[in-house]
Amino acid sequence: MSSTLRKERMEKLKRIREKGINPYPSLYFEKQDIKQVLKKKLKQKVRIAGRIMLFRDMGRITFMQIRDESATMQAVINKNEFEGDYKFWIKNLDLGDFVGITGERFDTRKKEKSVLVKKIVLLAKAIRPLPDKHKALRNPEQRLRKRYLDILFNPEVQDMIYKREKFWQSIRDFMRERGFREVETPILENVCGGADANPFVTHHKARDMDLYLRISTGELWQKRLMVAGLEKTFEIGRQFRNEGMDPEHSQDYTQMEFYWAYADYKKGMELVRELYREVALKTFGTLKFKIKDFEVDLGDEWQTYDYTETVKKMTGINVLEVSPEEIRHKLESLGVEYEKNNFNLSRAVDNLWKYCRRKIAGPGFLINEPLIVSPLAKKTEDNPKLAERFHVILGGSELGNGYSELNDPIDQARRFLEQEKLREAGDQEAQMRDDEFVEALEYGMPPTCGFGLSERLFSFLMNKTIRECQIFPLMKPLGSDS
């Protein structure tokens, strides 16, 4: 930004104050939405407020474009009609200033719907000039860092924010209409559970102890509610994972999880298919989406993909009868990058599956997942090596995870011990042992289906990266910003 331009605006700010005008008043300006004012009849009295996006001084008449959240409209200041100091305002107003305008509806000679300005109230003086919308903010990182300008100049970003709101509200409405109760569970936890992920650690000063930011949206807490006698619960909230970044993953993001007593994963799949279709229609008005290189129609019949059969078909590996070293060799022969530290059988199997899923368009459900990668799910009764678990598969990725929850406290305690051994061996994403949760299960939890989806689903349906679909994604700080 030019220091000269900022200096000029500071001079205008000084003149405004010397005139006895507060450039940042605390007041309620009773405005009408511009979108509604555009529909009003000629000569009607109107009051609009917003940011000056265009300013053209033609001598005895000045044209402005005023933008509020609803729309943009032309405002015309005619020296002969204006009830104020015309010269002062024309000299001291700038692009970017927020103003309140009282006037009447009229049309220009070119039939442009406008407001004939009678009075102006300065609501906020902008001392930094707005960038040129055609030249500025071309750099993707700059657009995210100065997101407020990105939203201001790019209507599609503002539209994304509205769609994001519809997305979560439609999920909330869907769950409530089916008898689920919305709950809130702790974000700070003594034991971090409910997922395979590396947590953020923080310190609680009052109790002088380290705590974890949750990595699931209350999974082990909502299951405690099933123990307590609640039968249908859900939560929408933020969760945090201290892991790498890529176009599909963020460290803090919004997730929804529901828990449904007396249901199994098969009933969960039926509900989830219905949920995805309704949310897509309410948010986007369609069931057909372009996701990466895939054309996906949520209205089509949803396929089922058997985990073991799919991996064997694509790679020749039977994940139920294989060693980590065999998978390592296969991954390397396929040219798949993977984390070589703490490489164990569950990580190996998961990496091989991820190679396969990238080729599947969906919509469909991944089923019969190995128990070794499902420490909180029930075993299938006909094969103890498999879990009653499902993932939603869309556009080559997993966009939802559910299962028949493990409610056998003895089995759960054993699996926690197995996970603890993996953590001791260096796997920081293995699940933590939670003895208090096992104690709760010992009081009895009914058969329960649990499911979770995150804002990654929204980003896929938008066909954008998850950072682009967050309103203010995390950015590295700058020492100074010109």
Protein backbone atom coordinates (compact mmCIF):
# COMPACT_ATOMS: atom_id res chain seq x y z
CA MET A 1 0.00 0.00 0.00
CA SER A 2 1.23 3.49 -0.86
CA SER A 3 2.19 5.46 2.26
CA THR A 4 1.11 8.61 0.41
CA LEU A 5 -2.47 7.35 0.05
CA ARG A 6 -2.68 6.46 3.71
CA LYS A 7 -1.25 9.86 4.65
CA GLU A 8 -3.91 11.59 2.52
CA ARG A 9 -6.65 9.65 4.29
CA MET A 10 -5.22 10.50 7.68
CA GLU A 11 -5.44 14.16 6.67
CA LYS A 12 -9.10 13.68 5.75
CA LEU A 13 -9.68 11.99 9.09
CA LYS A 14 -8.18 15.01 10.82
CA ARG A 15 -10.43 17.41 8.89
CA ILE A 16 -13.51 15.35 9.74
CA ARG A 17 -12.68 15.48 13.45
CA GLU A 18 -11.99 19.23 13.25
CA LYS A 19 -15.47 19.63 11.73
CA GLY A 20 -16.85 18.14 14.95
CA ILE A 21 -17.84 14.87 13.29
CA ASN A 22 -17.03 11.56 14.97
CA PRO A 23 -15.63 9.33 12.18
CA TYR A 24 -16.45 6.21 14.24
CA PRO A 25 -19.76 7.00 15.95
CA SER A 26 -21.57 4.62 18.25
CA LEU A 27 -25.11 4.71 16.96
CA TYR A 28 -27.96 2.66 15.59
CA PHE A 29 -28.63 3.53 11.97
CA GLU A 30 -32.01 2.09 11.05
CA LYS A 31 -31.32 0.85 7.54
CA GLN A 32 -33.23 -1.05 4.91
CA ASP A 33 -31.57 -3.84 2.98
CA ILE A 34 -30.48 -2.61 -0.42
CA LYS A 35 -31.98 -5.70 -2.01
CA GLN A 36 -35.40 -4.54 -0.77
CA VAL A 37 -34.81 -0.87 -1.61
CA LEU A 38 -34.15 -1.83 -5.25
CA LYS A 39 -37.78 -3.07 -5.38
CA LYS A 40 -39.30 0.13 -4.01
CA LYS A 41 -41.32 2.55 -6.08
CA LEU A 42 -40.03 5.92 -7.24
CA LYS A 43 -40.16 8.80 -4.75
CA GLN A 44 -40.38 6.49 -1.73
CA LYS A 45 -38.28 7.52 1.27
CA VAL A 46 -35.38 5.11 1.91
CA ARG A 47 -32.48 4.62 4.31
CA ILE A 48 -29.51 2.53 3.23
CA ALA A 49 -26.08 1.95 4.74
CA GLY A 50 -22.96 0.21 3.54
CA ARG A 51 -19.49 0.55 2.09
CA ILE A 52 -18.62 2.95 -0.74
CA MET A 53 -17.36 0.73 -3.57
CA LEU A 54 -17.29 3.37 -6.33
CA PHE A 55 -16.96 7.17 -6.08
CA ARG A 56 -17.13 9.52 -9.09
CA ASP A 57 -17.17 13.28 -8.57
CA MET A 58 -18.64 15.02 -11.64
CA GLY A 59 -18.64 18.53 -10.21
CA ARG A 60 -22.17 19.39 -9.11
CA ILE A 61 -23.20 15.73 -8.99
CA THR A 62 -21.45 12.70 -7.55
CA PHE A 63 -22.14 9.02 -8.13
CA MET A 64 -21.43 6.33 -5.56
CA GLN A 65 -21.94 2.59 -5.42
CA ILE A 66 -23.04 1.50 -1.95
CA ARG A 67 -22.78 -2.16 -0.93
CA ASP A 68 -24.35 -3.88 2.03
CA GLU A 69 -24.58 -7.62 2.61
CA SER A 70 -27.70 -7.98 0.47
CA ALA A 71 -26.77 -6.07 -2.72
CA THR A 72 -25.12 -3.03 -4.33
CA MET A 73 -26.94 0.15 -5.37
CA GLN A 74 -26.11 3.50 -6.87
CA ALA A 75 -26.45 6.61 -4.71
CA VAL A 76 -26.44 10.03 -6.34
CA ILE A 77 -25.51 13.26 -4.55
CA ASN A 78 -26.90 16.30 -6.37
CA LYS A 79 -25.56 19.54 -4.95
CA ASN A 80 -28.96 21.21 -5.35
CA GLU A 81 -30.84 18.41 -3.56
CA PHE A 82 -28.32 17.58 -0.84
CA GLU A 83 -29.13 18.82 2.68
CA GLY A 84 -25.56 19.22 3.88
CA ASP A 85 -22.12 20.59 3.09
CA TYR A 86 -21.70 19.13 -0.38
CA LYS A 87 -18.13 20.32 -0.92
CA PHE A 88 -16.93 19.00 2.46
CA TRP A 89 -18.31 15.50 1.97
CA ILE A 90 -17.14 15.15 -1.61
CA LYS A 91 -13.65 16.21 -0.55
CA ASN A 92 -13.41 13.88 2.45
CA LEU A 93 -15.23 10.69 1.50
CA ASP A 94 -13.27 7.76 0.04
CA LEU A 95 -13.70 4.32 -1.39
CA GLY A 96 -14.12 1.90 1.48
CA ASP A 97 -15.86 4.31 3.86
CA PHE A 98 -19.04 3.14 5.55
CA VAL A 99 -21.89 5.64 5.29
CA GLY A 100 -25.56 5.88 6.15
CA ILE A 101 -27.76 7.54 3.54
CA THR A 102 -31.23 9.04 3.78
CA GLY A 103 -32.95 9.85 0.51
CA GLU A 104 -35.57 8.74 -1.97
CA ARG A 105 -35.82 6.20 -4.76
CA PHE A 106 -35.33 7.49 -8.26
CA ASP A 107 -34.05 6.28 -11.61
CA THR A 108 -31.28 7.95 -13.60
CA ARG A 109 -31.66 8.88 -17.25
CA LYS A 110 -30.17 5.49 -18.10
CA LYS A 111 -32.89 3.86 -15.95
CA GLU A 112 -30.45 2.70 -13.27
CA LYS A 113 -32.21 2.20 -9.96
CA SER A 114 -30.70 4.67 -7.53
CA VAL A 115 -31.09 6.66 -4.33
CA LEU A 116 -31.15 10.45 -4.49
CA VAL A 117 -29.14 11.40 -1.41
CA LYS A 118 -30.57 13.95 1.01
CA LYS A 119 -28.36 13.32 4.06
CA ILE A 120 -25.15 11.40 4.79
CA VAL A 121 -23.87 10.03 8.10
CA LEU A 122 -20.28 8.82 8.25
CA LEU A 123 -20.31 5.46 10.06
CA ALA A 124 -16.65 4.44 9.72
CA LYS A 125 -13.71 6.07 7.92
CA ALA A 126 -11.41 3.68 6.03
CA ILE A 127 -7.80 4.81 6.28
CA ARG A 128 -6.47 2.00 4.08
CA PRO A 129 -7.58 2.15 0.43
CA LEU A 130 -9.24 -0.97 -0.95
CA PRO A 131 -7.06 -2.91 -3.42
CA ASP A 132 -7.85 -2.99 -7.11
CA LYS A 133 -10.21 -5.94 -7.46
CA HIS A 134 -8.74 -6.91 -10.84
CA LYS A 135 -5.09 -6.77 -9.80
CA ALA A 136 -5.02 -7.52 -6.08
CA LEU A 137 -5.51 -10.76 -4.17
CA ARG A 138 -4.47 -13.02 -7.01
CA ASN A 139 -2.12 -14.96 -4.76
CA PRO A 140 -4.08 -17.79 -3.09
CA GLU A 141 -2.23 -17.40 0.22
CA GLN A 142 -2.94 -13.65 0.27
CA ARG A 143 -6.60 -14.30 -0.38
CA LEU A 144 -6.79 -16.61 2.64
CA ARG A 145 -4.71 -14.34 4.86
CA LYS A 146 -6.83 -11.29 4.02
CA ARG A 147 -10.02 -13.29 3.88
CA TYR A 148 -12.16 -10.22 4.65
CA LEU A 149 -11.04 -8.68 1.35
CA ASP A 150 -11.45 -11.98 -0.46
CA ILE A 151 -15.07 -12.12 0.71
CA LEU A 152 -15.62 -8.45 -0.15
CA PHE A 153 -14.40 -8.77 -3.75
CA ASN A 154 -15.44 -12.33 -4.57
CA PRO A 155 -19.19 -13.01 -4.26
CA GLU A 156 -18.61 -16.76 -4.62
CA VAL A 157 -16.73 -16.77 -1.30
CA GLN A 158 -19.64 -15.05 0.43
CA ASP A 159 -21.95 -17.59 -1.21
CA MET A 160 -19.73 -20.39 0.15
CA ILE A 161 -20.22 -19.02 3.67
CA TYR A 162 -24.00 -19.09 3.19
CA LYS A 163 -23.84 -22.65 1.84
CA ARG A 164 -21.68 -23.69 4.78
CA GLU A 165 -24.35 -22.41 7.16
CA LYS A 166 -27.08 -24.27 5.24
CA PHE A 167 -24.98 -27.43 5.31
CA TRP A 168 -24.70 -27.58 9.10
CA GLN A 169 -28.24 -26.33 9.70
CA SER A 170 -29.69 -28.97 7.39
CA ILE A 171 -27.79 -31.66 9.31
CA ARG A 172 -29.10 -30.27 12.59
CA ASP A 173 -32.66 -30.16 11.27
CA PHE A 174 -32.41 -33.71 9.89
CA MET A 175 -31.22 -35.15 13.20
CA ARG A 176 -33.80 -33.29 15.31
CA GLU A 177 -36.66 -34.29 13.01
CA ARG A 178 -35.73 -37.92 13.69
CA GLY A 179 -35.72 -37.58 17.45
CA PHE A 180 -32.02 -37.02 18.11
CA ARG A 181 -31.12 -34.65 20.96
CA GLU A 182 -28.29 -32.18 20.47
CA VAL A 183 -25.69 -32.33 23.26
CA GLU A 184 -22.39 -30.70 24.17
CA THR A 185 -19.43 -32.70 25.46
CA PRO A 186 -15.98 -31.64 26.71
CA ILE A 187 -13.37 -30.21 24.36
CA LEU A 188 -10.62 -30.47 27.00
CA GLU A 189 -9.98 -34.07 28.04
CA ASN A 190 -7.77 -35.97 30.47
CA VAL A 191 -7.69 -38.91 28.07
CA CYS A 192 -7.98 -38.27 24.36
CA GLY A 193 -10.15 -40.90 22.69
CA GLY A 194 -12.53 -41.77 19.92
CA ALA A 195 -10.11 -41.77 16.97
CA ASP A 196 -6.63 -42.64 15.75
CA ALA A 197 -4.97 -39.23 15.78
CA ASN A 198 -2.23 -37.15 17.37
CA PRO A 199 -3.73 -34.58 19.80
CA PHE A 200 -2.85 -31.02 20.74
CA VAL A 201 -1.70 -30.64 24.34
CA THR A 202 -2.51 -27.66 26.57
CA HIS A 203 -1.99 -26.85 30.23
CA HIS A 204 -4.72 -26.19 32.80
CA LYS A 205 -3.25 -23.64 35.22
CA ALA A 206 -5.89 -23.88 37.95
CA ARG A 207 -5.49 -27.65 38.29
CA ASP A 208 -1.83 -27.65 37.19
CA MET A 209 -2.23 -30.50 34.73
CA ASP A 210 -1.86 -31.14 31.01
CA LEU A 211 -4.99 -31.73 28.99
CA TYR A 212 -5.76 -32.69 25.40
CA LEU A 213 -7.95 -30.95 22.85
CA ARG A 214 -10.43 -33.55 21.68
CA ILE A 215 -9.83 -35.53 18.50
CA SER A 216 -13.44 -36.69 18.18
CA THR A 217 -16.71 -34.90 18.80
CA GLY A 218 -17.50 -36.56 22.07
CA GLU A 219 -17.48 -40.21 21.00
CA LEU A 220 -16.65 -41.70 24.39
CA TRP A 221 -18.83 -39.08 26.12
CA GLN A 222 -21.87 -39.68 23.93
CA LYS A 223 -21.54 -43.41 24.54
CA ARG A 224 -21.63 -42.63 28.25
CA LEU A 225 -24.96 -40.96 27.52
CA MET A 226 -26.16 -44.24 26.03
CA VAL A 227 -25.15 -45.87 29.34
CA ALA A 228 -27.13 -43.12 31.11
CA GLY A 229 -30.31 -44.01 29.23
CA LEU A 230 -30.40 -41.45 26.42
CA GLU A 231 -31.12 -43.20 23.14
CA LYS A 232 -30.46 -40.70 20.34
CA THR A 233 -27.84 -37.95 20.64
CA PHE A 234 -25.72 -35.86 18.29
CA GLU A 235 -23.18 -33.08 18.58
CA ILE A 236 -21.83 -30.53 16.08
CA GLY A 237 -18.59 -28.94 17.21
CA ARG A 238 -14.92 -28.28 16.66
CA GLN A 239 -12.26 -30.95 17.04
CA PHE A 240 -8.49 -30.81 16.72
CA ARG A 241 -5.74 -33.05 15.33
CA ASN A 242 -2.08 -32.13 15.51
CA GLU A 243 -1.15 -33.64 12.19
CA GLY A 244 -0.06 -32.70 8.69
CA MET A 245 -1.96 -30.47 6.30
CA ASP A 246 -3.13 -31.31 2.79
CA PRO A 247 -6.07 -30.31 0.57
CA GLU A 248 -8.36 -32.74 2.45
CA HIS A 249 -7.21 -32.28 6.06
CA SER A 250 -7.08 -29.44 8.56
CA GLN A 251 -5.93 -29.34 12.19
CA ASP A 252 -9.11 -27.79 13.55
CA TYR A 253 -12.46 -28.36 11.91
CA THR A 254 -16.16 -28.92 12.52
CA GLN A 255 -17.53 -32.44 12.93
CA MET A 256 -20.91 -34.01 13.57
CA GLU A 257 -21.29 -37.30 15.44
CA PHE A 258 -24.48 -39.15 16.32
CA TYR A 259 -25.15 -42.16 18.55
CA TRP A 260 -28.27 -44.28 18.19
CA ALA A 261 -29.16 -46.88 20.82
CA TYR A 262 -30.75 -50.18 19.78
CA ALA A 263 -29.40 -49.78 16.22
CA ASP A 264 -26.52 -51.43 14.37
CA TYR A 265 -24.25 -50.32 11.55
CA LYS A 266 -26.70 -51.53 8.88
CA LYS A 267 -29.46 -49.25 10.20
CA GLY A 268 -26.85 -46.51 10.45
CA MET A 269 -26.02 -46.88 6.76
CA GLU A 270 -29.68 -46.44 5.83
CA LEU A 271 -29.95 -43.26 7.91
CA VAL A 272 -26.67 -41.86 6.58
CA ARG A 273 -27.65 -42.36 2.94
CA GLU A 274 -30.88 -40.48 3.62
CA LEU A 275 -28.94 -37.77 5.49
CA TYR A 276 -26.45 -37.14 2.68
CA ARG A 277 -29.15 -36.87 0.07
CA GLU A 278 -31.25 -34.44 2.09
CA VAL A 279 -28.30 -32.26 3.08
CA ALA A 280 -27.07 -32.09 -0.53
CA LEU A 281 -30.49 -31.02 -1.79
CA LYS A 282 -31.03 -28.42 0.92
CA THR A 283 -27.53 -26.97 0.61
CA PHE A 284 -26.83 -27.19 -3.12
CA GLY A 285 -30.20 -27.96 -4.70
CA THR A 286 -28.83 -31.02 -6.51
CA LEU A 287 -27.66 -34.60 -5.99
CA LYS A 288 -25.12 -34.48 -8.84
CA PHE A 289 -21.60 -33.29 -8.14
CA LYS A 290 -18.22 -32.95 -9.82
CA ILE A 291 -15.67 -34.16 -7.24
CA LYS A 292 -12.05 -34.13 -8.40
CA ASP A 293 -12.12 -36.20 -11.61
CA PHE A 294 -15.32 -38.04 -10.67
CA GLU A 295 -18.95 -37.42 -11.58
CA VAL A 296 -20.96 -38.43 -8.50
CA ASP A 297 -24.75 -38.74 -8.24
CA LEU A 298 -25.98 -39.21 -4.67
CA GLY A 299 -29.34 -40.21 -6.11
CA ASP A 300 -27.85 -43.33 -7.69
CA GLU A 301 -27.95 -46.67 -5.93
CA TRP A 302 -25.19 -46.70 -3.31
CA GLN A 303 -22.72 -49.53 -3.81
CA THR A 304 -21.05 -51.61 -1.09
CA TYR A 305 -17.32 -52.26 -1.27
CA ASP A 306 -15.89 -55.17 0.69
CA TYR A 307 -12.60 -54.04 2.23
CA THR A 308 -10.65 -57.28 1.82
CA GLU A 309 -12.02 -58.09 -1.64
CA THR A 310 -11.40 -54.55 -2.94
CA VAL A 311 -7.79 -54.41 -1.74
CA LYS A 312 -7.07 -57.91 -3.05
CA LYS A 313 -8.58 -57.08 -6.44
CA MET A 314 -6.52 -53.90 -6.79
CA THR A 315 -3.23 -55.01 -5.25
CA GLY A 316 -3.25 -58.80 -4.96
CA ILE A 317 -2.83 -58.57 -1.16
CA ASN A 318 -5.08 -60.34 1.36
CA VAL A 319 -5.00 -57.91 4.29
CA LEU A 320 -6.21 -60.62 6.70
CA GLU A 321 -3.21 -62.81 6.00
CA VAL A 322 -0.24 -60.53 5.50
CA SER A 323 2.74 -59.09 7.38
CA PRO A 324 3.78 -55.43 7.61
CA GLU A 325 6.88 -56.18 5.54
CA GLU A 326 4.85 -57.67 2.70
CA ILE A 327 2.70 -54.56 2.61
CA ARG A 328 5.79 -52.35 2.77
CA HIS A 329 7.18 -54.02 -0.34
CA LYS A 330 3.83 -53.69 -2.12
CA LEU A 331 3.53 -49.98 -1.24
CA GLU A 332 7.02 -49.33 -2.56
CA SER A 333 6.35 -51.25 -5.76
CA LEU A 334 3.18 -49.17 -6.25
CA GLY A 335 5.10 -45.94 -5.64
CA VAL A 336 2.98 -45.04 -2.60
CA GLU A 337 4.47 -42.60 -0.10
CA TYR A 338 3.90 -43.54 3.53
CA GLU A 339 5.12 -42.72 7.04
CA LYS A 340 8.03 -45.11 7.65
CA ASN A 341 8.33 -44.42 11.39
CA ASN A 342 6.19 -46.59 13.69
CA PHE A 343 5.13 -48.72 10.74
CA ASN A 344 2.97 -51.53 12.15
CA LEU A 345 0.33 -53.86 10.73
CA SER A 346 -2.65 -51.54 11.27
CA ARG A 347 -0.81 -48.59 9.68
CA ALA A 348 0.35 -50.83 6.82
CA VAL A 349 -3.16 -52.08 6.09
CA ASP A 350 -4.57 -48.55 6.24
CA ASN A 351 -1.95 -47.22 3.79
CA LEU A 352 -2.72 -49.98 1.31
CA TRP A 353 -6.46 -49.27 1.51
CA LYS A 354 -5.90 -45.54 0.96
CA TYR A 355 -4.10 -46.38 -2.29
CA CYS A 356 -7.17 -48.33 -3.42
CA ARG A 357 -9.89 -45.89 -2.35
CA ARG A 358 -8.53 -43.11 -4.58
CA LYS A 359 -9.84 -45.05 -7.56
CA ILE A 360 -13.43 -45.40 -6.29
CA ALA A 361 -15.97 -42.73 -7.28
CA GLY A 362 -18.91 -43.78 -5.12
CA PRO A 363 -21.42 -43.13 -3.79
CA GLY A 364 -21.16 -46.19 -1.61
CA PHE A 365 -20.17 -47.79 1.66
CA LEU A 366 -16.95 -49.55 2.54
CA ILE A 367 -17.80 -52.55 4.75
CA ASN A 368 -16.16 -55.55 6.44
CA GLU A 369 -13.15 -53.56 7.60
CA PRO A 370 -10.37 -55.41 9.48
CA LEU A 371 -10.76 -55.35 13.25
CA ILE A 372 -7.12 -54.34 13.57
CA VAL A 373 -7.96 -50.85 12.24
CA SER A 374 -11.23 -50.59 14.21
CA PRO A 375 -10.50 -50.54 17.98
CA LEU A 376 -13.95 -49.21 18.96
CA ALA A 377 -16.17 -51.33 16.69
CA LYS A 378 -17.86 -54.67 17.27
CA LYS A 379 -16.54 -57.80 15.62
CA THR A 380 -18.67 -59.37 12.93
CA GLU A 381 -20.22 -62.57 14.26
CA ASP A 382 -19.22 -64.74 11.30
CA ASN A 383 -15.59 -63.53 11.14
CA PRO A 384 -13.82 -62.22 14.28
CA LYS A 385 -11.11 -60.60 12.13
CA LEU A 386 -13.64 -58.12 10.73
CA ALA A 387 -15.55 -55.21 12.27
CA GLU A 388 -19.14 -54.03 11.88
CA ARG A 389 -17.89 -50.74 10.50
CA PHE A 390 -18.61 -48.64 7.42
CA HIS A 391 -17.15 -45.62 5.65
CA VAL A 392 -18.95 -43.40 3.15
CA ILE A 393 -16.93 -43.40 -0.08
CA LEU A 394 -17.23 -40.37 -2.36
CA GLY A 395 -14.78 -39.02 -4.90
CA GLY A 396 -11.97 -41.37 -3.95
CA SER A 397 -12.06 -40.58 -0.24
CA GLU A 398 -13.71 -41.50 3.06
CA LEU A 399 -16.35 -38.91 3.92
CA GLY A 400 -18.01 -40.41 6.96
CA ASN A 401 -17.27 -43.18 9.45
CA GLY A 402 -19.65 -45.34 11.46
CA TYR A 403 -19.94 -48.66 13.22
CA SER A 404 -21.77 -50.89 15.60
CA GLU A 405 -20.22 -49.62 18.81
CA LEU A 406 -18.28 -52.03 20.96
CA ASN A 407 -20.25 -52.44 24.21
CA ASP A 408 -18.41 -55.46 25.65
CA PRO A 409 -16.28 -53.95 28.47
CA ILE A 410 -13.90 -56.93 28.61
CA ASP A 411 -13.20 -56.77 24.88
CA GLN A 412 -12.87 -52.97 25.02
CA ALA A 413 -10.33 -53.17 27.88
CA ARG A 414 -8.29 -55.71 25.91
CA ARG A 415 -8.27 -53.53 22.79
CA PHE A 416 -7.21 -50.48 24.80
CA LEU A 417 -4.25 -52.50 26.10
CA GLU A 418 -3.30 -53.43 22.54
CA GLN A 419 -3.48 -49.77 21.54
CA GLU A 420 -1.41 -48.82 24.58
CA LYS A 421 1.35 -51.19 23.45
CA LEU A 422 1.36 -49.49 20.04
CA ARG A 423 1.71 -46.08 21.74
CA GLU A 424 4.58 -47.37 23.86
CA ALA A 425 6.23 -48.59 20.67
CA GLY A 426 6.06 -45.04 19.28
CA ASP A 427 2.73 -44.86 17.46
CA GLN A 428 1.39 -41.49 18.68
CA GLU A 429 -1.87 -41.95 16.76
CA ALA A 430 -2.82 -45.16 18.58
CA GLN A 431 -5.74 -44.69 20.96
CA MET A 432 -5.22 -43.92 24.63
CA ARG A 433 -6.33 -46.28 27.35
CA ASP A 434 -9.46 -44.97 29.08
CA ASP A 435 -10.24 -46.99 32.20
CA GLU A 436 -13.11 -44.72 33.24
CA PHE A 437 -14.85 -45.35 29.93
CA VAL A 438 -14.44 -49.11 30.40
CA GLU A 439 -15.93 -48.72 33.89
CA ALA A 440 -18.96 -46.98 32.36
CA LEU A 441 -19.39 -49.87 29.90
CA GLU A 442 -19.37 -52.30 32.82
CA TYR A 443 -22.67 -50.74 33.96
CA GLY A 444 -24.11 -51.75 30.59
CA MET A 445 -24.56 -49.94 27.25
CA PRO A 446 -27.26 -51.02 24.80
CA PRO A 447 -26.41 -51.97 21.20
CA THR A 448 -25.53 -48.65 19.57
CA CYS A 449 -24.65 -47.30 16.14
CA GLY A 450 -22.28 -44.33 16.03
CA PHE A 451 -21.38 -42.19 13.03
CA GLY A 452 -19.36 -39.06 12.28
CA LEU A 453 -18.84 -36.72 9.34
CA SER A 454 -16.74 -33.57 9.09
CA GLU A 455 -16.66 -30.40 7.04
CA ARG A 456 -14.48 -32.34 4.59
CA LEU A 457 -17.77 -33.57 3.11
CA PHE A 458 -18.78 -29.95 2.50
CA SER A 459 -15.44 -29.17 0.82
CA PHE A 460 -15.79 -32.21 -1.45
CA LEU A 461 -19.28 -31.22 -2.51
CA MET A 462 -17.95 -27.72 -3.19
CA ASN A 463 -15.06 -29.39 -5.10
CA LYS A 464 -12.56 -27.18 -3.27
CA THR A 465 -9.80 -27.72 -0.73
CA ILE A 466 -10.78 -27.75 2.92
CA ARG A 467 -8.79 -24.54 3.54
CA GLU A 468 -10.76 -22.72 0.85
CA CYS A 469 -14.00 -23.84 2.50
CA GLN A 470 -13.08 -22.61 5.97
CA ILE A 471 -14.01 -19.00 6.61
CA PHE A 472 -10.73 -18.18 8.36
CA PRO A 473 -8.20 -21.01 7.93
CA LEU A 474 -5.12 -21.12 10.14
CA MET A 475 -2.24 -19.07 8.70
CA LYS A 476 1.34 -18.56 9.81
CA PRO A 477 1.76 -15.14 11.47
CA LEU A 478 3.67 -12.38 9.67
CA GLY A 479 6.11 -10.07 11.42
CA SER A 480 4.51 -7.11 9.67
CA ASP A 481 2.05 -6.65 6.85
CA SER A 482 2.16 -3.67 4.55
